[in-house]
N, C-alpha and C. Protein backbone atom coordinates (compact mmCIF):
# COMPACT_ATOMS: atom_id res chain seq x y z
N MET A 1 15.30 -2.31 -32.96
CA MET A 1 15.44 -0.70 -32.88
C MET A 1 14.73 -0.66 -34.47
N MET A 2 13.63 0.13 -34.65
CA MET A 2 13.30 0.96 -35.84
C MET A 2 13.19 2.01 -35.97
N THR A 3 14.00 2.80 -35.81
CA THR A 3 13.94 4.12 -35.73
C THR A 3 14.12 4.56 -37.45
N ASN A 4 14.97 4.31 -38.28
CA ASN A 4 14.54 4.80 -39.77
C ASN A 4 14.28 3.56 -40.19
N GLN A 5 13.68 2.44 -39.78
CA GLN A 5 13.42 0.89 -40.38
C GLN A 5 12.12 1.21 -41.40
N TYR A 6 11.27 2.03 -40.68
CA TYR A 6 9.99 1.87 -41.34
C TYR A 6 10.18 2.64 -42.64
N SER A 7 10.69 3.87 -42.71
CA SER A 7 11.06 4.51 -43.98
C SER A 7 11.83 3.64 -45.14
N LYS A 8 12.68 3.18 -44.69
CA LYS A 8 13.36 2.24 -45.57
C LYS A 8 12.62 0.77 -46.11
N ASN A 9 11.93 0.58 -45.42
CA ASN A 9 10.84 -0.56 -45.72
C ASN A 9 10.04 -0.07 -46.82
N LEU A 10 9.45 1.04 -46.75
CA LEU A 10 8.72 1.98 -47.99
C LEU A 10 9.42 1.89 -49.40
N SER A 11 10.57 2.37 -48.91
CA SER A 11 11.48 2.59 -50.08
C SER A 11 11.74 1.40 -50.59
N LEU A 12 12.18 0.39 -49.72
CA LEU A 12 12.68 -0.77 -50.16
C LEU A 12 11.21 -1.46 -51.18
N LEU A 13 10.01 -1.52 -50.65
CA LEU A 13 8.90 -2.29 -51.16
C LEU A 13 8.77 -1.16 -52.44
N HIS A 14 8.67 -0.13 -52.60
CA HIS A 14 8.36 0.82 -53.88
C HIS A 14 9.63 0.22 -54.82
N ALA A 15 10.86 0.26 -54.39
CA ALA A 15 11.86 -0.49 -55.29
C ALA A 15 11.48 -1.89 -55.94
N LEU A 16 10.91 -2.60 -55.11
CA LEU A 16 10.75 -4.11 -55.37
C LEU A 16 9.50 -4.12 -56.38
N CYS A 17 8.52 -3.26 -55.98
CA CYS A 17 7.42 -3.46 -57.06
C CYS A 17 8.03 -2.61 -58.31
N LEU A 18 8.75 -1.73 -58.43
CA LEU A 18 9.05 -1.21 -59.74
C LEU A 18 9.86 -2.20 -60.44
N ALA A 19 11.06 -2.95 -59.81
CA ALA A 19 11.67 -3.90 -60.45
C ALA A 19 10.65 -5.12 -60.92
N GLU A 20 9.60 -5.48 -60.31
CA GLU A 20 8.89 -6.61 -60.44
C GLU A 20 7.88 -6.14 -61.62
N HIS A 21 7.57 -5.21 -61.78
CA HIS A 21 6.61 -4.90 -62.73
C HIS A 21 7.42 -3.81 -63.87
N ARG A 22 8.48 -3.82 -64.24
CA ARG A 22 9.18 -3.42 -65.17
C ARG A 22 9.07 -4.10 -66.36
N SER A 23 9.12 -3.31 -67.50
CA SER A 23 9.00 -4.42 -68.77
C SER A 23 10.68 -4.29 -69.58
N GLU A 24 10.94 -5.25 -70.49
CA GLU A 24 11.89 -5.58 -71.07
C GLU A 24 12.92 -4.22 -71.44
N GLU A 25 12.35 -3.43 -71.84
CA GLU A 25 12.86 -2.41 -72.49
C GLU A 25 13.31 -1.36 -71.01
N ASP A 26 12.52 -1.17 -69.97
CA ASP A 26 12.58 -0.49 -68.93
C ASP A 26 14.02 -0.52 -68.17
N ALA A 27 14.62 0.77 -68.07
CA ALA A 27 15.80 0.35 -67.13
C ALA A 27 15.81 -0.08 -65.84
N LEU A 28 17.06 -1.00 -65.28
CA LEU A 28 16.59 -1.36 -64.11
C LEU A 28 16.36 -0.37 -62.97
N PRO A 29 15.44 -0.35 -62.16
CA PRO A 29 15.40 0.47 -60.94
C PRO A 29 16.76 0.47 -60.22
N SER A 30 16.90 1.92 -59.50
CA SER A 30 18.08 1.83 -58.74
C SER A 30 18.10 0.76 -57.54
N SER A 31 19.25 0.53 -57.01
CA SER A 31 19.49 -0.41 -55.86
C SER A 31 19.96 0.32 -54.61
N ASN A 32 19.79 1.71 -54.76
CA ASN A 32 20.16 2.51 -53.70
C ASN A 32 19.07 3.17 -52.82
N LEU A 33 18.35 2.64 -51.85
CA LEU A 33 16.99 3.06 -51.42
C LEU A 33 17.27 4.74 -50.94
N ASP A 34 18.48 5.07 -50.83
CA ASP A 34 18.27 6.63 -50.77
C ASP A 34 17.68 7.20 -51.88
N ASP A 35 18.20 6.75 -53.02
CA ASP A 35 17.08 7.22 -53.92
C ASP A 35 15.75 6.94 -54.18
N TYR A 36 15.12 6.53 -53.28
CA TYR A 36 13.28 6.36 -53.15
C TYR A 36 13.04 7.49 -51.91
N ASP A 37 12.30 8.35 -52.12
CA ASP A 37 11.73 9.35 -51.22
C ASP A 37 10.67 8.33 -50.11
N PRO A 38 10.55 8.42 -49.10
CA PRO A 38 9.37 7.50 -48.80
C PRO A 38 8.13 8.00 -48.79
N ILE A 39 7.99 9.30 -48.51
CA ILE A 39 6.85 9.87 -49.22
C ILE A 39 6.17 9.47 -50.58
N LYS A 40 6.98 9.82 -51.53
CA LYS A 40 7.01 8.99 -52.98
C LYS A 40 6.71 7.76 -53.08
N ALA A 41 7.70 6.92 -51.96
CA ALA A 41 7.16 5.65 -52.15
C ALA A 41 5.52 5.20 -51.80
N ALA A 42 5.25 6.18 -50.70
CA ALA A 42 3.86 5.72 -50.08
C ALA A 42 2.80 6.20 -51.02
N THR A 43 2.71 7.05 -51.74
CA THR A 43 2.08 7.70 -52.56
C THR A 43 2.13 6.46 -54.09
N TYR A 44 3.26 6.01 -54.45
CA TYR A 44 3.36 5.10 -55.30
C TYR A 44 2.55 3.77 -54.85
N LEU A 45 2.77 3.05 -53.60
CA LEU A 45 2.31 2.11 -53.24
C LEU A 45 0.71 2.36 -52.87
N ALA A 46 0.09 3.24 -52.39
CA ALA A 46 -1.22 3.54 -52.32
C ALA A 46 -1.87 3.49 -53.80
N CYS A 47 -1.22 3.64 -54.75
CA CYS A 47 -1.77 3.37 -56.50
C CYS A 47 -1.31 2.15 -56.55
N PHE A 48 -0.33 1.74 -56.46
CA PHE A 48 -0.39 0.16 -56.66
C PHE A 48 -1.33 -0.60 -55.84
N ILE A 49 -1.15 -0.68 -54.68
CA ILE A 49 -2.22 -1.37 -53.67
C ILE A 49 -3.53 -1.08 -54.52
N THR A 50 -4.02 0.28 -54.67
CA THR A 50 -5.52 0.30 -55.04
C THR A 50 -5.69 -0.41 -56.50
N ALA A 51 -4.78 -0.29 -57.71
CA ALA A 51 -4.82 -0.48 -58.66
C ALA A 51 -5.21 -2.27 -58.53
N LYS A 52 -4.44 -2.74 -57.73
CA LYS A 52 -4.46 -4.38 -57.64
C LYS A 52 -5.72 -4.56 -57.12
N ALA A 53 -6.16 -3.91 -56.20
CA ALA A 53 -7.56 -3.90 -55.30
C ALA A 53 -8.66 -4.08 -56.14
N ILE A 54 -8.67 -2.88 -57.16
CA ILE A 54 -9.45 -2.60 -58.01
C ILE A 54 -9.68 -3.88 -59.26
N LYS A 55 -8.63 -4.37 -59.70
CA LYS A 55 -8.60 -5.41 -60.25
C LYS A 55 -9.12 -6.69 -59.64
N GLU A 56 -8.95 -6.81 -58.49
CA GLU A 56 -9.01 -8.25 -57.71
C GLU A 56 -10.61 -8.22 -57.29
N ALA A 57 -11.12 -6.77 -57.39
CA ALA A 57 -12.60 -6.60 -57.05
C ALA A 57 -13.27 -6.73 -58.25
N SER A 58 -12.73 -7.01 -59.39
CA SER A 58 -13.18 -7.26 -60.90
C SER A 58 -14.37 -6.01 -61.06
N ARG A 59 -13.37 -4.85 -60.94
CA ARG A 59 -14.23 -3.38 -61.36
C ARG A 59 -13.36 -2.94 -62.22
N SER A 60 -14.10 -1.89 -63.09
CA SER A 60 -13.37 -1.36 -64.43
C SER A 60 -13.92 0.08 -64.33
N PRO A 61 -12.83 0.73 -63.80
CA PRO A 61 -12.95 2.35 -63.71
C PRO A 61 -13.11 2.86 -65.49
N ALA A 62 -12.70 2.05 -66.31
CA ALA A 62 -12.87 2.86 -67.61
C ALA A 62 -14.01 2.67 -68.08
N ASP A 63 -14.99 1.56 -67.81
CA ASP A 63 -16.51 1.94 -67.75
C ASP A 63 -17.17 2.33 -67.01
N GLU A 64 -16.56 2.55 -65.56
CA GLU A 64 -17.61 3.35 -64.68
C GLU A 64 -17.26 5.01 -64.74
N ARG A 65 -16.13 5.06 -65.66
CA ARG A 65 -16.08 6.56 -65.92
C ARG A 65 -17.37 7.18 -66.82
N TYR A 66 -17.80 6.25 -67.56
CA TYR A 66 -19.30 6.66 -68.31
C TYR A 66 -20.56 6.08 -67.54
N ASP A 67 -20.64 5.41 -66.80
CA ASP A 67 -21.77 4.78 -66.25
C ASP A 67 -22.01 4.96 -64.77
N ASN A 68 -20.93 5.22 -64.07
CA ASN A 68 -20.81 5.32 -62.87
C ASN A 68 -19.57 6.16 -62.29
N PHE A 69 -19.74 7.64 -62.73
CA PHE A 69 -18.73 8.11 -62.11
C PHE A 69 -17.95 8.46 -61.25
N ASP A 70 -19.09 8.40 -60.04
CA ASP A 70 -18.74 8.75 -58.69
C ASP A 70 -17.93 7.65 -57.98
N MET A 71 -18.13 6.34 -58.43
CA MET A 71 -17.19 5.31 -58.14
C MET A 71 -15.56 5.47 -58.30
N LEU A 72 -15.28 6.12 -59.35
CA LEU A 72 -13.77 6.80 -59.28
C LEU A 72 -13.88 7.26 -57.85
N SER A 73 -14.44 8.12 -57.60
CA SER A 73 -14.00 9.06 -56.22
C SER A 73 -13.89 8.15 -55.20
N VAL A 74 -14.48 6.89 -54.63
CA VAL A 74 -14.70 6.05 -54.03
C VAL A 74 -13.21 5.33 -54.34
N TYR A 75 -12.61 5.14 -55.27
CA TYR A 75 -11.18 4.53 -55.57
C TYR A 75 -10.16 5.55 -55.20
N GLN A 76 -10.50 6.78 -55.24
CA GLN A 76 -9.72 7.87 -54.67
C GLN A 76 -9.49 7.82 -53.41
N ALA A 77 -10.92 7.96 -52.94
CA ALA A 77 -10.70 7.55 -51.17
C ALA A 77 -10.13 6.46 -50.60
N PHE A 78 -10.52 5.23 -51.25
CA PHE A 78 -9.73 3.96 -50.72
C PHE A 78 -7.91 4.41 -50.75
N ALA A 79 -7.31 4.83 -51.69
CA ALA A 79 -6.06 5.15 -52.34
C ALA A 79 -5.70 6.14 -51.08
N LEU A 80 -6.58 7.09 -50.90
CA LEU A 80 -6.25 7.93 -49.65
C LEU A 80 -6.15 7.50 -48.59
N MET A 81 -6.80 6.21 -47.96
CA MET A 81 -6.88 6.05 -46.72
C MET A 81 -5.26 4.96 -46.77
N VAL A 82 -5.16 4.10 -47.85
CA VAL A 82 -4.11 3.57 -47.94
C VAL A 82 -2.84 4.20 -47.68
N TYR A 83 -2.58 5.24 -48.46
CA TYR A 83 -1.73 6.37 -48.36
C TYR A 83 -1.63 6.70 -46.75
N ALA A 84 -2.55 7.06 -46.07
CA ALA A 84 -2.73 7.50 -44.97
C ALA A 84 -1.91 6.57 -44.06
N TYR A 85 -2.35 5.00 -44.28
CA TYR A 85 -2.16 4.23 -43.19
C TYR A 85 -0.43 3.92 -43.78
N LEU A 86 0.03 4.25 -44.57
CA LEU A 86 1.60 4.01 -44.91
C LEU A 86 2.34 5.10 -44.45
N VAL A 87 1.89 6.23 -44.56
CA VAL A 87 2.41 7.56 -44.00
C VAL A 87 2.45 7.89 -42.66
N LEU A 88 1.36 7.40 -42.03
CA LEU A 88 1.33 7.70 -40.56
C LEU A 88 2.73 7.37 -39.80
N PRO A 89 3.04 6.12 -39.82
CA PRO A 89 4.26 5.82 -39.16
C PRO A 89 5.39 6.34 -39.41
N LEU A 90 5.70 7.64 -40.43
CA LEU A 90 6.74 8.10 -40.85
C LEU A 90 6.97 9.26 -39.70
N GLY A 91 5.60 9.75 -39.07
CA GLY A 91 5.66 10.60 -38.34
C GLY A 91 6.70 10.29 -37.05
N SER A 92 6.88 9.24 -36.68
CA SER A 92 8.10 9.28 -35.57
C SER A 92 9.60 9.08 -36.23
N GLU A 93 9.43 9.30 -37.69
CA GLU A 93 10.78 9.47 -37.97
C GLU A 93 10.82 11.14 -38.54
N ASN A 94 10.00 11.90 -37.97
CA ASN A 94 9.99 13.34 -38.37
C ASN A 94 9.84 13.52 -40.13
N ILE A 95 9.06 12.64 -40.59
CA ILE A 95 8.92 12.50 -42.23
C ILE A 95 7.26 12.77 -42.25
N VAL A 96 7.15 14.11 -42.73
CA VAL A 96 5.79 14.53 -42.96
C VAL A 96 5.25 14.47 -44.33
N ALA A 97 3.73 13.99 -44.59
CA ALA A 97 3.61 13.92 -45.78
C ALA A 97 2.31 15.18 -45.95
N ASP A 98 2.01 15.15 -47.22
CA ASP A 98 1.44 16.15 -47.96
C ASP A 98 0.07 15.99 -48.32
N LEU A 99 -0.71 15.48 -47.71
CA LEU A 99 -2.03 14.74 -48.22
C LEU A 99 -2.57 15.75 -49.37
N GLU A 100 -2.93 17.03 -49.23
CA GLU A 100 -3.41 17.89 -50.22
C GLU A 100 -2.54 17.92 -51.14
N GLN A 101 -1.49 17.60 -51.32
CA GLN A 101 -0.46 17.77 -52.77
C GLN A 101 -0.62 16.26 -53.13
N ASP A 102 -0.36 15.19 -52.34
CA ASP A 102 -0.26 13.87 -52.84
C ASP A 102 -1.61 13.32 -53.33
N GLN A 103 -2.43 13.83 -52.90
CA GLN A 103 -3.88 13.45 -53.39
C GLN A 103 -4.18 13.65 -54.99
N ILE A 104 -3.45 14.72 -55.16
CA ILE A 104 -3.39 15.12 -56.51
C ILE A 104 -2.58 13.84 -57.57
N ILE A 105 -1.57 13.47 -57.30
CA ILE A 105 -0.51 12.82 -57.43
C ILE A 105 -1.29 11.36 -57.60
N ILE A 106 -2.10 11.03 -56.64
CA ILE A 106 -2.54 9.79 -56.45
C ILE A 106 -3.64 9.93 -57.60
N ALA A 107 -4.47 10.55 -57.48
CA ALA A 107 -5.53 10.79 -58.79
C ALA A 107 -5.14 10.95 -60.31
N LYS A 108 -3.98 11.45 -60.57
CA LYS A 108 -3.40 11.51 -61.98
C LYS A 108 -2.76 10.04 -62.17
N SER A 109 -2.18 9.58 -61.23
CA SER A 109 -1.91 8.03 -61.53
C SER A 109 -2.98 7.27 -61.79
N LEU A 110 -3.85 7.08 -61.03
CA LEU A 110 -4.73 6.31 -61.03
C LEU A 110 -5.99 6.20 -62.32
N PHE A 111 -6.08 7.64 -62.59
CA PHE A 111 -6.89 8.25 -63.78
C PHE A 111 -6.20 9.06 -64.69
N SER A 112 -5.14 8.52 -65.26
CA SER A 112 -4.39 9.61 -66.08
C SER A 112 -5.24 9.90 -67.36
N GLU A 113 -6.06 9.21 -67.91
CA GLU A 113 -6.74 9.48 -69.03
C GLU A 113 -8.01 10.67 -68.92
N LEU A 114 -8.34 10.77 -67.82
CA LEU A 114 -9.24 11.63 -67.25
C LEU A 114 -8.97 13.30 -67.77
N THR A 115 -9.88 14.05 -68.24
CA THR A 115 -9.39 15.33 -68.02
C THR A 115 -9.05 16.33 -66.80
N ASN A 116 -8.32 17.31 -66.88
CA ASN A 116 -8.55 18.06 -65.49
C ASN A 116 -9.47 18.09 -64.48
N GLU A 117 -10.92 18.40 -65.55
CA GLU A 117 -12.05 18.90 -64.81
C GLU A 117 -12.60 17.70 -64.04
N GLU A 118 -12.12 16.33 -64.79
CA GLU A 118 -13.18 15.31 -64.15
C GLU A 118 -11.89 14.80 -62.87
N LEU A 119 -10.53 15.20 -62.97
CA LEU A 119 -9.53 14.93 -61.98
C LEU A 119 -10.01 15.47 -60.67
N ALA A 120 -10.35 17.03 -61.06
CA ALA A 120 -10.65 17.80 -59.94
C ALA A 120 -12.12 17.44 -58.97
N ASP A 121 -12.88 16.87 -60.02
CA ASP A 121 -14.19 16.39 -59.31
C ASP A 121 -13.88 15.22 -58.19
N ILE A 122 -13.26 14.27 -58.78
CA ILE A 122 -12.37 13.09 -58.20
C ILE A 122 -11.73 13.35 -57.06
N VAL A 123 -10.84 14.23 -57.13
CA VAL A 123 -9.92 14.84 -55.87
C VAL A 123 -10.86 14.99 -54.92
N GLU A 124 -11.86 15.89 -55.42
CA GLU A 124 -12.52 16.57 -54.25
C GLU A 124 -13.67 15.75 -53.70
N SER A 125 -14.34 15.03 -54.63
CA SER A 125 -15.24 13.80 -53.57
C SER A 125 -14.52 12.92 -53.08
N GLY A 126 -13.44 12.41 -53.75
CA GLY A 126 -12.85 11.34 -52.85
C GLY A 126 -12.03 11.69 -51.31
N MET A 127 -11.88 12.93 -51.38
CA MET A 127 -11.48 13.82 -49.99
C MET A 127 -12.51 13.54 -49.20
N ARG A 128 -13.77 14.10 -49.74
CA ARG A 128 -15.11 14.35 -48.72
C ARG A 128 -15.45 12.59 -48.48
N LYS A 129 -15.29 11.58 -48.99
CA LYS A 129 -15.67 10.41 -48.81
C LYS A 129 -14.38 9.98 -47.60
N PHE A 130 -12.95 10.25 -48.23
CA PHE A 130 -12.19 9.78 -47.01
C PHE A 130 -12.23 10.54 -45.52
N HIS A 131 -12.90 11.88 -45.72
CA HIS A 131 -13.21 12.32 -44.28
C HIS A 131 -14.50 11.54 -43.65
N LEU A 132 -15.47 11.51 -44.71
CA LEU A 132 -16.73 10.74 -43.89
C LEU A 132 -16.08 9.15 -43.42
N VAL A 133 -15.60 8.55 -44.06
CA VAL A 133 -15.20 7.15 -43.38
C VAL A 133 -14.11 7.52 -42.28
N GLY A 134 -13.20 8.62 -42.28
CA GLY A 134 -12.25 8.71 -41.33
C GLY A 134 -12.87 9.34 -39.84
N ASP A 135 -13.91 9.84 -40.05
CA ASP A 135 -14.76 10.76 -39.09
C ASP A 135 -16.06 9.73 -38.53
N ALA A 136 -16.42 8.83 -39.04
CA ALA A 136 -17.30 8.23 -38.87
C ALA A 136 -17.15 7.32 -37.59
N ASP A 137 -18.29 7.31 -36.48
CA ASP A 137 -18.11 6.91 -35.43
C ASP A 137 -18.85 5.49 -35.30
N ALA A 138 -19.48 5.26 -36.20
CA ALA A 138 -20.05 3.88 -36.38
C ALA A 138 -19.07 2.75 -35.76
N GLU A 139 -19.70 1.90 -35.30
CA GLU A 139 -18.38 0.52 -34.70
C GLU A 139 -18.12 -0.13 -36.09
N HIS A 140 -18.85 -0.28 -37.22
CA HIS A 140 -18.30 -0.89 -38.28
C HIS A 140 -17.59 -0.16 -39.25
N TRP A 141 -17.50 1.00 -39.18
CA TRP A 141 -16.30 2.05 -39.65
C TRP A 141 -15.14 2.18 -38.88
N THR A 142 -15.14 1.90 -37.46
CA THR A 142 -14.03 1.65 -36.86
C THR A 142 -12.98 0.25 -37.10
N HIS A 143 -13.88 -0.76 -37.36
CA HIS A 143 -13.34 -1.97 -37.32
C HIS A 143 -12.63 -1.96 -38.89
N TYR A 144 -13.56 -1.34 -39.56
CA TYR A 144 -12.83 -1.43 -41.21
C TYR A 144 -11.61 -0.40 -41.34
N ARG A 145 -11.59 0.94 -40.39
CA ARG A 145 -10.26 1.67 -40.35
C ARG A 145 -9.01 0.71 -39.89
N GLU A 146 -9.57 0.04 -38.62
CA GLU A 146 -8.44 -0.91 -37.90
C GLU A 146 -8.06 -1.98 -38.89
N ASP A 147 -9.01 -2.69 -39.67
CA ASP A 147 -8.53 -3.59 -40.36
C ASP A 147 -7.84 -3.49 -41.71
N LEU A 148 -8.43 -2.47 -42.19
CA LEU A 148 -7.49 -2.19 -43.34
C LEU A 148 -6.20 -1.32 -43.19
N ASP A 149 -6.13 -0.74 -42.08
CA ASP A 149 -4.74 -0.44 -41.53
C ASP A 149 -3.74 -1.66 -41.52
N LYS A 150 -4.38 -2.53 -40.72
CA LYS A 150 -3.46 -3.88 -40.31
C LYS A 150 -3.24 -4.65 -41.80
N ALA A 151 -4.09 -4.78 -42.77
CA ALA A 151 -4.00 -5.17 -44.16
C ALA A 151 -2.77 -4.59 -44.68
N VAL A 152 -3.02 -2.92 -45.03
CA VAL A 152 -1.86 -2.49 -45.64
C VAL A 152 -0.52 -2.26 -44.89
N ILE A 153 -0.28 -2.59 -43.63
CA ILE A 153 0.85 -2.72 -43.15
C ILE A 153 1.35 -4.28 -43.07
N ALA A 154 0.50 -5.01 -43.20
CA ALA A 154 0.74 -6.46 -43.47
C ALA A 154 1.45 -6.68 -44.79
N PHE A 155 0.51 -5.87 -45.84
CA PHE A 155 1.26 -6.20 -47.36
C PHE A 155 2.65 -5.57 -47.23
N LEU A 156 2.80 -4.41 -46.82
CA LEU A 156 4.43 -3.79 -46.51
C LEU A 156 5.31 -4.89 -46.03
N VAL A 157 4.77 -5.56 -44.82
CA VAL A 157 5.75 -6.82 -44.01
C VAL A 157 6.06 -7.67 -44.94
N ALA A 158 4.60 -8.38 -45.79
CA ALA A 158 5.03 -9.29 -46.48
C ALA A 158 5.95 -9.28 -47.93
N GLY A 159 6.15 -7.68 -48.03
CA GLY A 159 6.81 -7.18 -49.33
C GLY A 159 8.21 -7.11 -49.02
N THR A 160 8.48 -6.79 -47.82
CA THR A 160 9.71 -6.69 -47.17
C THR A 160 10.74 -7.39 -46.63
N ASP A 161 9.64 -8.53 -45.47
CA ASP A 161 10.39 -9.29 -44.40
C ASP A 161 10.52 -10.69 -45.13
N ASP A 162 11.55 -11.28 -45.25
CA ASP A 162 11.71 -12.72 -45.59
C ASP A 162 10.77 -13.41 -44.51
N ALA A 163 10.71 -12.86 -43.07
CA ALA A 163 10.21 -14.29 -42.36
C ALA A 163 8.65 -13.83 -42.01
N SER A 164 7.80 -12.83 -43.02
CA SER A 164 6.76 -12.73 -43.15
C SER A 164 5.68 -14.19 -43.23
N PRO A 165 4.90 -14.40 -42.72
CA PRO A 165 4.17 -15.58 -42.61
C PRO A 165 3.35 -15.63 -43.92
N PHE A 166 3.27 -14.88 -44.94
CA PHE A 166 2.53 -14.64 -46.10
C PHE A 166 3.36 -13.92 -47.27
N GLU A 167 2.72 -14.02 -48.14
CA GLU A 167 3.37 -13.29 -49.36
C GLU A 167 2.59 -11.95 -49.65
N LYS A 168 2.96 -10.95 -50.18
CA LYS A 168 1.95 -9.83 -50.74
C LYS A 168 1.02 -10.02 -51.32
N GLU A 169 1.00 -11.06 -52.23
CA GLU A 169 0.25 -11.31 -53.24
C GLU A 169 -1.04 -12.04 -52.51
N GLU A 170 -0.64 -12.44 -51.52
CA GLU A 170 -1.85 -13.38 -50.85
C GLU A 170 -2.73 -12.19 -50.09
N LEU A 171 -2.06 -10.94 -49.84
CA LEU A 171 -3.00 -10.06 -49.52
C LEU A 171 -3.77 -8.88 -50.13
N ILE A 172 -3.76 -9.37 -51.37
CA ILE A 172 -4.44 -8.52 -52.60
C ILE A 172 -5.91 -9.09 -52.31
N PRO A 173 -6.44 -10.34 -52.48
CA PRO A 173 -7.81 -10.51 -52.34
C PRO A 173 -8.40 -9.93 -50.91
N VAL A 174 -7.71 -9.75 -49.88
CA VAL A 174 -7.93 -9.13 -48.61
C VAL A 174 -8.37 -7.61 -48.83
N LEU A 175 -7.40 -6.75 -49.78
CA LEU A 175 -7.12 -5.37 -50.03
C LEU A 175 -8.80 -5.37 -50.87
N GLY A 176 -8.97 -6.44 -51.97
CA GLY A 176 -9.91 -6.19 -52.82
C GLY A 176 -11.36 -6.11 -52.17
N ALA A 177 -11.25 -6.90 -51.06
CA ALA A 177 -12.72 -7.14 -50.18
C ALA A 177 -13.00 -6.05 -49.62
N PHE A 178 -11.72 -5.15 -49.01
CA PHE A 178 -11.85 -3.94 -48.57
C PHE A 178 -12.60 -2.53 -49.42
N LEU A 179 -11.86 -2.96 -50.69
CA LEU A 179 -12.17 -1.80 -51.56
C LEU A 179 -13.75 -1.99 -52.03
N SER A 180 -14.15 -3.63 -51.90
CA SER A 180 -15.52 -3.61 -52.38
C SER A 180 -16.61 -3.42 -51.61
N MET A 181 -16.11 -3.37 -50.17
CA MET A 181 -16.78 -2.70 -48.73
C MET A 181 -17.14 -1.46 -49.01
N LEU A 182 -16.27 -0.75 -49.38
CA LEU A 182 -16.30 0.90 -49.54
C LEU A 182 -17.18 0.90 -50.79
N CYS A 183 -16.89 0.34 -51.94
CA CYS A 183 -17.93 0.47 -53.13
C CYS A 183 -19.56 0.47 -52.81
N GLU A 184 -19.57 -0.79 -51.89
CA GLU A 184 -20.71 -0.97 -51.59
C GLU A 184 -21.54 0.11 -50.77
N ALA A 185 -20.92 0.47 -49.88
CA ALA A 185 -21.34 1.32 -48.72
C ALA A 185 -21.53 2.79 -49.90
N PHE A 186 -20.88 3.15 -50.75
CA PHE A 186 -21.13 4.40 -51.73
C PHE A 186 -22.02 4.24 -52.73
N ALA A 187 -22.44 3.02 -53.05
CA ALA A 187 -23.22 2.61 -54.10
C ALA A 187 -24.48 3.32 -54.04
């Protein structure tokens, strides 16, 4: 029975990632899953996965800000896809996400050093790319979306289920490869 399980798994992985990446001086994150909103968990995890994928793909947003600014919107589009795949199953629990609002949170989280004007450009361009990929009929984009969806959900399962056949860290290279494919498509 998975009625409330999915949202709890999102919250659990959010809490686990926070605990795993906290520094010595940070307070311990709450162990009460009710303290973790599943939508906020999905937003955090979309940024977390995207940041890991960027690093895995040996990309440098700090450098690209100056010599390939449009690539930042590709990272934004990737994060939006990850976010979408994380929040879609919440619909079965009557939990509704707000992509319009959360895309701004995602951009600010991924690119905190940017100006508001630069962030606005990334949000707008990232959403266009998100819709381009999401609406594309070409077979390779259909496979890309399906496979990315599977990889994102596998990451969630690997991070929350002890019986998972792999660790979430093993999926980072796969997610990095998906990001690289998206970067190549928009290069």
